[in-house]
Amino acid sequence: SQALRKLELLVTIDLFMTDTAKMA
C-alpha cells in the first residue's frame, strides 16, 4: 500500500472496486 501510494499514476482495469482500485 505504501508503494502504490507513492506512484504518480495508478490505473486499474477491473469489474469491481478492489483494494488496489481504491488507491488508483
mmCIF file of all heavy atoms, coordinates in Angstrom:
data_MODEL
# 
_entry.id   MODEL 
# 
loop_
_atom_site.group_PDB 
_atom_site.id 
_atom_site.type_symbol 
_atom_site.label_atom_id 
_atom_site.label_alt_id 
_atom_site.label_comp_id 
_atom_site.label_asym_id 
_atom_site.label_entity_id 
_atom_site.label_seq_id 
_atom_site.pdbx_PDB_ins_code 
_atom_site.Cartn_x 
_atom_site.Cartn_y 
_atom_site.Cartn_z 
_atom_site.occupancy 
_atom_site.B_iso_or_equiv 
_atom_site.pdbx_formal_charge 
_atom_site.auth_seq_id 
_atom_site.auth_comp_id 
_atom_site.auth_asym_id 
_atom_site.auth_atom_id 
_atom_site.pdbx_PDB_model_num 
ATOM 1   N N   . SER A 1 1  ? 0.831   -1.213 0.000   1.00 0.00 ? 1  SER A N   1 
ATOM 2   C CA  . SER A 1 1  ? 0.000   0.000  0.000   1.00 0.00 ? 1  SER A CA  1 
ATOM 3   C C   . SER A 1 1  ? 0.864   1.261  0.000   1.00 0.00 ? 1  SER A C   1 
ATOM 4   O O   . SER A 1 1  ? 0.562   2.234  -0.694  1.00 0.00 ? 1  SER A O   1 
ATOM 5   C CB  . SER A 1 1  ? -0.922  -0.002 1.216   1.00 0.00 ? 1  SER A CB  1 
ATOM 6   O OG  . SER A 1 1  ? -1.841  -1.062 1.151   1.00 0.00 ? 1  SER A OG  1 
ATOM 7   N N   . GLN A 1 2  ? 1.940   1.230  0.759   1.00 0.00 ? 2  GLN A N   1 
ATOM 8   C CA  . GLN A 1 2  ? 2.862   2.364  0.774   1.00 0.00 ? 2  GLN A CA  1 
ATOM 9   C C   . GLN A 1 2  ? 3.444   2.604  -0.623  1.00 0.00 ? 2  GLN A C   1 
ATOM 10  O O   . GLN A 1 2  ? 3.552   3.761  -1.075  1.00 0.00 ? 2  GLN A O   1 
ATOM 11  C CB  . GLN A 1 2  ? 3.989   2.089  1.777   1.00 0.00 ? 2  GLN A CB  1 
ATOM 12  C CG  . GLN A 1 2  ? 5.003   3.223  1.916   1.00 0.00 ? 2  GLN A CG  1 
ATOM 13  C CD  . GLN A 1 2  ? 6.151   2.831  2.851   1.00 0.00 ? 2  GLN A CD  1 
ATOM 14  O OE1 . GLN A 1 2  ? 6.105   1.797  3.519   1.00 0.00 ? 2  GLN A OE1 1 
ATOM 15  N NE2 . GLN A 1 2  ? 7.184   3.651  2.886   1.00 0.00 ? 2  GLN A NE2 1 
ATOM 16  N N   . ALA A 1 3  ? 3.782   1.526  -1.298  1.00 0.00 ? 3  ALA A N   1 
ATOM 17  C CA  . ALA A 1 3  ? 4.349   1.650  -2.644  1.00 0.00 ? 3  ALA A CA  1 
ATOM 18  C C   . ALA A 1 3  ? 3.313   2.185  -3.629  1.00 0.00 ? 3  ALA A C   1 
ATOM 19  O O   . ALA A 1 3  ? 3.610   3.079  -4.439  1.00 0.00 ? 3  ALA A O   1 
ATOM 20  C CB  . ALA A 1 3  ? 4.881   0.296  -3.118  1.00 0.00 ? 3  ALA A CB  1 
ATOM 21  N N   . LEU A 1 4  ? 2.107   1.671  -3.582  1.00 0.00 ? 4  LEU A N   1 
ATOM 22  C CA  . LEU A 1 4  ? 1.078   2.107  -4.517  1.00 0.00 ? 4  LEU A CA  1 
ATOM 23  C C   . LEU A 1 4  ? 0.754   3.592  -4.346  1.00 0.00 ? 4  LEU A C   1 
ATOM 24  O O   . LEU A 1 4  ? 0.483   4.295  -5.328  1.00 0.00 ? 4  LEU A O   1 
ATOM 25  C CB  . LEU A 1 4  ? -0.191  1.266  -4.341  1.00 0.00 ? 4  LEU A CB  1 
ATOM 26  C CG  . LEU A 1 4  ? -0.070  -0.220 -4.682  1.00 0.00 ? 4  LEU A CG  1 
ATOM 27  C CD1 . LEU A 1 4  ? -1.383  -0.944 -4.422  1.00 0.00 ? 4  LEU A CD1 1 
ATOM 28  C CD2 . LEU A 1 4  ? 0.370   -0.427 -6.125  1.00 0.00 ? 4  LEU A CD2 1 
ATOM 29  N N   . ARG A 1 5  ? 0.796   4.061  -3.124  1.00 0.00 ? 5  ARG A N   1 
ATOM 30  C CA  . ARG A 1 5  ? 0.504   5.482  -2.879  1.00 0.00 ? 5  ARG A CA  1 
ATOM 31  C C   . ARG A 1 5  ? 1.637   6.405  -3.340  1.00 0.00 ? 5  ARG A C   1 
ATOM 32  O O   . ARG A 1 5  ? 1.430   7.604  -3.498  1.00 0.00 ? 5  ARG A O   1 
ATOM 33  C CB  . ARG A 1 5  ? 0.211   5.703  -1.386  1.00 0.00 ? 5  ARG A CB  1 
ATOM 34  C CG  . ARG A 1 5  ? -1.105  5.081  -0.928  1.00 0.00 ? 5  ARG A CG  1 
ATOM 35  C CD  . ARG A 1 5  ? -1.476  5.519  0.489   1.00 0.00 ? 5  ARG A CD  1 
ATOM 36  N NE  . ARG A 1 5  ? -2.783  5.019  0.863   1.00 0.00 ? 5  ARG A NE  1 
ATOM 37  C CZ  . ARG A 1 5  ? -3.013  3.891  1.507   1.00 0.00 ? 5  ARG A CZ  1 
ATOM 38  N NH1 . ARG A 1 5  ? -1.987  3.127  1.865   1.00 0.00 ? 5  ARG A NH1 1 
ATOM 39  N NH2 . ARG A 1 5  ? -4.236  3.505  1.799   1.00 0.00 ? 5  ARG A NH2 1 
ATOM 40  N N   . LYS A 1 6  ? 2.811   5.839  -3.553  1.00 0.00 ? 6  LYS A N   1 
ATOM 41  C CA  . LYS A 1 6  ? 3.947   6.649  -3.992  1.00 0.00 ? 6  LYS A CA  1 
ATOM 42  C C   . LYS A 1 6  ? 3.925   6.900  -5.505  1.00 0.00 ? 6  LYS A C   1 
ATOM 43  O O   . LYS A 1 6  ? 4.593   7.804  -5.999  1.00 0.00 ? 6  LYS A O   1 
ATOM 44  C CB  . LYS A 1 6  ? 5.252   5.949  -3.592  1.00 0.00 ? 6  LYS A CB  1 
ATOM 45  C CG  . LYS A 1 6  ? 6.498   6.784  -3.858  1.00 0.00 ? 6  LYS A CG  1 
ATOM 46  C CD  . LYS A 1 6  ? 7.773   6.049  -3.471  1.00 0.00 ? 6  LYS A CD  1 
ATOM 47  C CE  . LYS A 1 6  ? 8.994   6.896  -3.823  1.00 0.00 ? 6  LYS A CE  1 
ATOM 48  N NZ  . LYS A 1 6  ? 10.266  6.188  -3.529  1.00 0.00 ? 6  LYS A NZ  1 
ATOM 49  N N   . LEU A 1 7  ? 3.172   6.117  -6.245  1.00 0.00 ? 7  LEU A N   1 
ATOM 50  C CA  . LEU A 1 7  ? 3.148   6.231  -7.698  1.00 0.00 ? 7  LEU A CA  1 
ATOM 51  C C   . LEU A 1 7  ? 2.581   7.570  -8.156  1.00 0.00 ? 7  LEU A C   1 
ATOM 52  O O   . LEU A 1 7  ? 1.729   8.157  -7.494  1.00 0.00 ? 7  LEU A O   1 
ATOM 53  C CB  . LEU A 1 7  ? 2.308   5.096  -8.290  1.00 0.00 ? 7  LEU A CB  1 
ATOM 54  C CG  . LEU A 1 7  ? 2.846   3.670  -8.120  1.00 0.00 ? 7  LEU A CG  1 
ATOM 55  C CD1 . LEU A 1 7  ? 1.743   2.650  -8.401  1.00 0.00 ? 7  LEU A CD1 1 
ATOM 56  C CD2 . LEU A 1 7  ? 4.051   3.439  -9.033  1.00 0.00 ? 7  LEU A CD2 1 
ATOM 57  N N   . GLU A 1 8  ? 3.025   8.008  -9.315  1.00 0.00 ? 8  GLU A N   1 
ATOM 58  C CA  . GLU A 1 8  ? 2.467   9.211  -9.921  1.00 0.00 ? 8  GLU A CA  1 
ATOM 59  C C   . GLU A 1 8  ? 1.261   8.896  -10.793 1.00 0.00 ? 8  GLU A C   1 
ATOM 60  O O   . GLU A 1 8  ? 0.490   9.786  -11.136 1.00 0.00 ? 8  GLU A O   1 
ATOM 61  C CB  . GLU A 1 8  ? 3.533   9.928  -10.745 1.00 0.00 ? 8  GLU A CB  1 
ATOM 62  C CG  . GLU A 1 8  ? 4.670   10.495 -9.889  1.00 0.00 ? 8  GLU A CG  1 
ATOM 63  C CD  . GLU A 1 8  ? 5.653   11.325 -10.687 1.00 0.00 ? 8  GLU A CD  1 
ATOM 64  O OE1 . GLU A 1 8  ? 5.354   11.661 -11.860 1.00 0.00 ? 8  GLU A OE1 1 
ATOM 65  O OE2 . GLU A 1 8  ? 6.727   11.644 -10.143 1.00 0.00 ? 8  GLU A OE2 1 
ATOM 66  N N   . LEU A 1 9  ? 1.108   7.615  -11.162 1.00 0.00 ? 9  LEU A N   1 
ATOM 67  C CA  . LEU A 1 9  ? -0.076  7.195  -11.906 1.00 0.00 ? 9  LEU A CA  1 
ATOM 68  C C   . LEU A 1 9  ? -0.368  5.737  -11.570 1.00 0.00 ? 9  LEU A C   1 
ATOM 69  O O   . LEU A 1 9  ? 0.490   4.869  -11.726 1.00 0.00 ? 9  LEU A O   1 
ATOM 70  C CB  . LEU A 1 9  ? 0.138   7.332  -13.416 1.00 0.00 ? 9  LEU A CB  1 
ATOM 71  C CG  . LEU A 1 9  ? -1.024  6.811  -14.293 1.00 0.00 ? 9  LEU A CG  1 
ATOM 72  C CD1 . LEU A 1 9  ? -2.264  7.665  -14.088 1.00 0.00 ? 9  LEU A CD1 1 
ATOM 73  C CD2 . LEU A 1 9  ? -0.622  6.758  -15.765 1.00 0.00 ? 9  LEU A CD2 1 
ATOM 74  N N   . LEU A 1 10 ? -1.583  5.475  -11.110 1.00 0.00 ? 10 LEU A N   1 
ATOM 75  C CA  . LEU A 1 10 ? -2.054  4.112  -10.872 1.00 0.00 ? 10 LEU A CA  1 
ATOM 76  C C   . LEU A 1 10 ? -3.397  3.960  -11.561 1.00 0.00 ? 10 LEU A C   1 
ATOM 77  O O   . LEU A 1 10 ? -4.350  4.694  -11.278 1.00 0.00 ? 10 LEU A O   1 
ATOM 78  C CB  . LEU A 1 10 ? -2.193  3.834  -9.373  1.00 0.00 ? 10 LEU A CB  1 
ATOM 79  C CG  . LEU A 1 10 ? -2.789  2.471  -8.982  1.00 0.00 ? 10 LEU A CG  1 
ATOM 80  C CD1 . LEU A 1 10 ? -1.966  1.319  -9.551  1.00 0.00 ? 10 LEU A CD1 1 
ATOM 81  C CD2 . LEU A 1 10 ? -2.906  2.337  -7.459  1.00 0.00 ? 10 LEU A CD2 1 
ATOM 82  N N   . VAL A 1 11 ? -3.456  3.013  -12.496 1.00 0.00 ? 11 VAL A N   1 
ATOM 83  C CA  . VAL A 1 11 ? -4.676  2.737  -13.252 1.00 0.00 ? 11 VAL A CA  1 
ATOM 84  C C   . VAL A 1 11 ? -5.098  1.306  -12.981 1.00 0.00 ? 11 VAL A C   1 
ATOM 85  O O   . VAL A 1 11 ? -4.261  0.391  -12.998 1.00 0.00 ? 11 VAL A O   1 
ATOM 86  C CB  . VAL A 1 11 ? -4.440  2.916  -14.771 1.00 0.00 ? 11 VAL A CB  1 
ATOM 87  C CG1 . VAL A 1 11 ? -5.711  2.591  -15.553 1.00 0.00 ? 11 VAL A CG1 1 
ATOM 88  C CG2 . VAL A 1 11 ? -3.966  4.323  -15.080 1.00 0.00 ? 11 VAL A CG2 1 
ATOM 89  N N   . THR A 1 12 ? -6.374  1.096  -12.729 1.00 0.00 ? 12 THR A N   1 
ATOM 90  C CA  . THR A 1 12 ? -6.878  -0.272 -12.578 1.00 0.00 ? 12 THR A CA  1 
ATOM 91  C C   . THR A 1 12 ? -7.940  -0.539 -13.642 1.00 0.00 ? 12 THR A C   1 
ATOM 92  O O   . THR A 1 12 ? -8.748  0.325  -13.969 1.00 0.00 ? 12 THR A O   1 
ATOM 93  C CB  . THR A 1 12 ? -7.492  -0.528 -11.189 1.00 0.00 ? 12 THR A CB  1 
ATOM 94  O OG1 . THR A 1 12 ? -8.539  0.413  -10.954 1.00 0.00 ? 12 THR A OG1 1 
ATOM 95  C CG2 . THR A 1 12 ? -6.448  -0.408 -10.107 1.00 0.00 ? 12 THR A CG2 1 
ATOM 96  N N   . ILE A 1 13 ? -7.894  -1.753 -14.170 1.00 0.00 ? 13 ILE A N   1 
ATOM 97  C CA  . ILE A 1 13 ? -8.901  -2.236 -15.117 1.00 0.00 ? 13 ILE A CA  1 
ATOM 98  C C   . ILE A 1 13 ? -9.576  -3.413 -14.441 1.00 0.00 ? 13 ILE A C   1 
ATOM 99  O O   . ILE A 1 13 ? -8.943  -4.434 -14.182 1.00 0.00 ? 13 ILE A O   1 
ATOM 100 C CB  . ILE A 1 13 ? -8.238  -2.675 -16.434 1.00 0.00 ? 13 ILE A CB  1 
ATOM 101 C CG1 . ILE A 1 13 ? -7.417  -1.533 -17.039 1.00 0.00 ? 13 ILE A CG1 1 
ATOM 102 C CG2 . ILE A 1 13 ? -9.287  -3.170 -17.425 1.00 0.00 ? 13 ILE A CG2 1 
ATOM 103 C CD1 . ILE A 1 13 ? -6.528  -1.947 -18.198 1.00 0.00 ? 13 ILE A CD1 1 
ATOM 104 N N   . ASP A 1 14 ? -10.850 -3.283 -14.122 1.00 0.00 ? 14 ASP A N   1 
ATOM 105 C CA  . ASP A 1 14 ? -11.496 -4.302 -13.308 1.00 0.00 ? 14 ASP A CA  1 
ATOM 106 C C   . ASP A 1 14 ? -13.001 -4.192 -13.435 1.00 0.00 ? 14 ASP A C   1 
ATOM 107 O O   . ASP A 1 14 ? -13.534 -3.290 -14.117 1.00 0.00 ? 14 ASP A O   1 
ATOM 108 C CB  . ASP A 1 14 ? -11.069 -4.146 -11.836 1.00 0.00 ? 14 ASP A CB  1 
ATOM 109 C CG  . ASP A 1 14 ? -10.934 -5.485 -11.125 1.00 0.00 ? 14 ASP A CG  1 
ATOM 110 O OD1 . ASP A 1 14 ? -11.896 -6.268 -11.164 1.00 0.00 ? 14 ASP A OD1 1 
ATOM 111 O OD2 . ASP A 1 14 ? -9.872  -5.738 -10.539 1.00 0.00 ? 14 ASP A OD2 1 
ATOM 112 N N   . LEU A 1 15 ? -13.694 -5.092 -12.745 1.00 0.00 ? 15 LEU A N   1 
ATOM 113 C CA  . LEU A 1 15 ? -15.150 -5.060 -12.676 1.00 0.00 ? 15 LEU A CA  1 
ATOM 114 C C   . LEU A 1 15 ? -15.633 -4.393 -11.397 1.00 0.00 ? 15 LEU A C   1 
ATOM 115 O O   . LEU A 1 15 ? -16.708 -3.788 -11.369 1.00 0.00 ? 15 LEU A O   1 
ATOM 116 C CB  . LEU A 1 15 ? -15.717 -6.484 -12.725 1.00 0.00 ? 15 LEU A CB  1 
ATOM 117 C CG  . LEU A 1 15 ? -15.376 -7.354 -13.927 1.00 0.00 ? 15 LEU A CG  1 
ATOM 118 C CD1 . LEU A 1 15 ? -15.963 -8.745 -13.729 1.00 0.00 ? 15 LEU A CD1 1 
ATOM 119 C CD2 . LEU A 1 15 ? -15.871 -6.742 -15.211 1.00 0.00 ? 15 LEU A CD2 1 
ATOM 120 N N   . PHE A 1 16 ? -14.821 -4.501 -10.336 1.00 0.00 ? 16 PHE A N   1 
ATOM 121 C CA  . PHE A 1 16 ? -15.249 -4.074 -9.012  1.00 0.00 ? 16 PHE A CA  1 
ATOM 122 C C   . PHE A 1 16 ? -14.195 -3.173 -8.366  1.00 0.00 ? 16 PHE A C   1 
ATOM 123 O O   . PHE A 1 16 ? -13.024 -3.198 -8.746  1.00 0.00 ? 16 PHE A O   1 
ATOM 124 C CB  . PHE A 1 16 ? -15.509 -5.291 -8.118  1.00 0.00 ? 16 PHE A CB  1 
ATOM 125 C CG  . PHE A 1 16 ? -16.535 -6.238 -8.665  1.00 0.00 ? 16 PHE A CG  1 
ATOM 126 C CD1 . PHE A 1 16 ? -16.158 -7.373 -9.376  1.00 0.00 ? 16 PHE A CD1 1 
ATOM 127 C CD2 . PHE A 1 16 ? -17.884 -5.988 -8.494  1.00 0.00 ? 16 PHE A CD2 1 
ATOM 128 C CE1 . PHE A 1 16 ? -17.098 -8.247 -9.889  1.00 0.00 ? 16 PHE A CE1 1 
ATOM 129 C CE2 . PHE A 1 16 ? -18.847 -6.854 -9.006  1.00 0.00 ? 16 PHE A CE2 1 
ATOM 130 C CZ  . PHE A 1 16 ? -18.450 -7.988 -9.705  1.00 0.00 ? 16 PHE A CZ  1 
ATOM 131 N N   . MET A 1 17 ? -14.619 -2.422 -7.384  1.00 0.00 ? 17 MET A N   1 
ATOM 132 C CA  . MET A 1 17 ? -13.726 -1.517 -6.670  1.00 0.00 ? 17 MET A CA  1 
ATOM 133 C C   . MET A 1 17 ? -12.928 -2.315 -5.640  1.00 0.00 ? 17 MET A C   1 
ATOM 134 O O   . MET A 1 17 ? -13.306 -2.460 -4.487  1.00 0.00 ? 17 MET A O   1 
ATOM 135 C CB  . MET A 1 17 ? -14.539 -0.406 -5.990  1.00 0.00 ? 17 MET A CB  1 
ATOM 136 C CG  . MET A 1 17 ? -13.689 0.675  -5.333  1.00 0.00 ? 17 MET A CG  1 
ATOM 137 S SD  . MET A 1 17 ? -12.570 1.549  -6.452  1.00 0.00 ? 17 MET A SD  1 
ATOM 138 C CE  . MET A 1 17 ? -13.736 2.513  -7.425  1.00 0.00 ? 17 MET A CE  1 
ATOM 139 N N   . THR A 1 18 ? -11.781 -2.824 -6.062  1.00 0.00 ? 18 THR A N   1 
ATOM 140 C CA  . THR A 1 18 ? -10.922 -3.626 -5.206  1.00 0.00 ? 18 THR A CA  1 
ATOM 141 C C   . THR A 1 18 ? -10.098 -2.735 -4.284  1.00 0.00 ? 18 THR A C   1 
ATOM 142 O O   . THR A 1 18 ? -10.117 -1.505 -4.395  1.00 0.00 ? 18 THR A O   1 
ATOM 143 C CB  . THR A 1 18 ? -9.971  -4.461 -6.067  1.00 0.00 ? 18 THR A CB  1 
ATOM 144 O OG1 . THR A 1 18 ? -9.106  -3.564 -6.785  1.00 0.00 ? 18 THR A OG1 1 
ATOM 145 C CG2 . THR A 1 18 ? -10.737 -5.329 -7.058  1.00 0.00 ? 18 THR A CG2 1 
ATOM 146 N N   . ASP A 1 19 ? -9.336  -3.374 -3.389  1.00 0.00 ? 19 ASP A N   1 
ATOM 147 C CA  . ASP A 1 19 ? -8.451  -2.606 -2.511  1.00 0.00 ? 19 ASP A CA  1 
ATOM 148 C C   . ASP A 1 19 ? -7.421  -1.819 -3.322  1.00 0.00 ? 19 ASP A C   1 
ATOM 149 O O   . ASP A 1 19 ? -7.073  -0.694 -2.966  1.00 0.00 ? 19 ASP A O   1 
ATOM 150 C CB  . ASP A 1 19 ? -7.720  -3.553 -1.552  1.00 0.00 ? 19 ASP A CB  1 
ATOM 151 C CG  . ASP A 1 19 ? -8.639  -4.146 -0.509  1.00 0.00 ? 19 ASP A CG  1 
ATOM 152 O OD1 . ASP A 1 19 ? -9.795  -3.687 -0.429  1.00 0.00 ? 19 ASP A OD1 1 
ATOM 153 O OD2 . ASP A 1 19 ? -8.221  -5.053 0.219   1.00 0.00 ? 19 ASP A OD2 1 
ATOM 154 N N   . THR A 1 20 ? -6.923  -2.405 -4.399  1.00 0.00 ? 20 THR A N   1 
ATOM 155 C CA  . THR A 1 20 ? -5.979  -1.698 -5.262  1.00 0.00 ? 20 THR A CA  1 
ATOM 156 C C   . THR A 1 20 ? -6.665  -0.545 -5.966  1.00 0.00 ? 20 THR A C   1 
ATOM 157 O O   . THR A 1 20 ? -6.122  0.569  -6.041  1.00 0.00 ? 20 THR A O   1 
ATOM 158 C CB  . THR A 1 20 ? -5.380  -2.660 -6.305  1.00 0.00 ? 20 THR A CB  1 
ATOM 159 O OG1 . THR A 1 20 ? -4.750  -3.752 -5.634  1.00 0.00 ? 20 THR A OG1 1 
ATOM 160 C CG2 . THR A 1 20 ? -4.360  -1.954 -7.184  1.00 0.00 ? 20 THR A CG2 1 
ATOM 161 N N   . ALA A 1 21 ? -7.870  -0.797 -6.477  1.00 0.00 ? 21 ALA A N   1 
ATOM 162 C CA  . ALA A 1 21 ? -8.598  0.239  -7.213  1.00 0.00 ? 21 ALA A CA  1 
ATOM 163 C C   . ALA A 1 21 ? -8.893  1.452  -6.337  1.00 0.00 ? 21 ALA A C   1 
ATOM 164 O O   . ALA A 1 21 ? -8.904  2.597  -6.826  1.00 0.00 ? 21 ALA A O   1 
ATOM 165 C CB  . ALA A 1 21 ? -9.897  -0.333 -7.772  1.00 0.00 ? 21 ALA A CB  1 
ATOM 166 N N   . LYS A 1 22 ? -9.125  1.234  -5.055  1.00 0.00 ? 22 LYS A N   1 
ATOM 167 C CA  . LYS A 1 22 ? -9.426  2.349  -4.168  1.00 0.00 ? 22 LYS A CA  1 
ATOM 168 C C   . LYS A 1 22 ? -8.282  3.362  -4.109  1.00 0.00 ? 22 LYS A C   1 
ATOM 169 O O   . LYS A 1 22 ? -8.496  4.538  -3.820  1.00 0.00 ? 22 LYS A O   1 
ATOM 170 C CB  . LYS A 1 22 ? -9.732  1.838  -2.757  1.00 0.00 ? 22 LYS A CB  1 
ATOM 171 C CG  . LYS A 1 22 ? -11.046 1.082  -2.650  1.00 0.00 ? 22 LYS A CG  1 
ATOM 172 C CD  . LYS A 1 22 ? -11.229 0.479  -1.267  1.00 0.00 ? 22 LYS A CD  1 
ATOM 173 C CE  . LYS A 1 22 ? -12.512 -0.348 -1.184  1.00 0.00 ? 22 LYS A CE  1 
ATOM 174 N NZ  . LYS A 1 22 ? -12.661 -1.013 0.127   1.00 0.00 ? 22 LYS A NZ  1 
ATOM 175 N N   . MET A 1 23 ? -7.057  2.905  -4.372  1.00 0.00 ? 23 MET A N   1 
ATOM 176 C CA  . MET A 1 23 ? -5.900  3.801  -4.331  1.00 0.00 ? 23 MET A CA  1 
ATOM 177 C C   . MET A 1 23 ? -5.548  4.378  -5.698  1.00 0.00 ? 23 MET A C   1 
ATOM 178 O O   . MET A 1 23 ? -4.607  5.150  -5.827  1.00 0.00 ? 23 MET A O   1 
ATOM 179 C CB  . MET A 1 23 ? -4.689  3.041  -3.763  1.00 0.00 ? 23 MET A CB  1 
ATOM 180 C CG  . MET A 1 23 ? -4.811  2.730  -2.282  1.00 0.00 ? 23 MET A CG  1 
ATOM 181 S SD  . MET A 1 23 ? -3.341  1.892  -1.651  1.00 0.00 ? 23 MET A SD  1 
ATOM 182 C CE  . MET A 1 23 ? -3.784  0.203  -1.987  1.00 0.00 ? 23 MET A CE  1 
ATOM 183 N N   . ALA A 1 24 ? -6.309  3.996  -6.733  1.00 0.00 ? 24 ALA A N   1 
ATOM 184 C CA  . ALA A 1 24 ? -5.957  4.360  -8.100  1.00 0.00 ? 24 ALA A CA  1 
ATOM 185 C C   . ALA A 1 24 ? -6.342  5.803  -8.421  1.00 0.00 ? 24 ALA A C   1 
ATOM 186 O O   . ALA A 1 24 ? -7.163  6.430  -7.745  1.00 0.00 ? 24 ALA A O   1 
ATOM 187 C CB  . ALA A 1 24 ? -6.627  3.409  -9.076  1.00 0.00 ? 24 ALA A CB  1 
# 
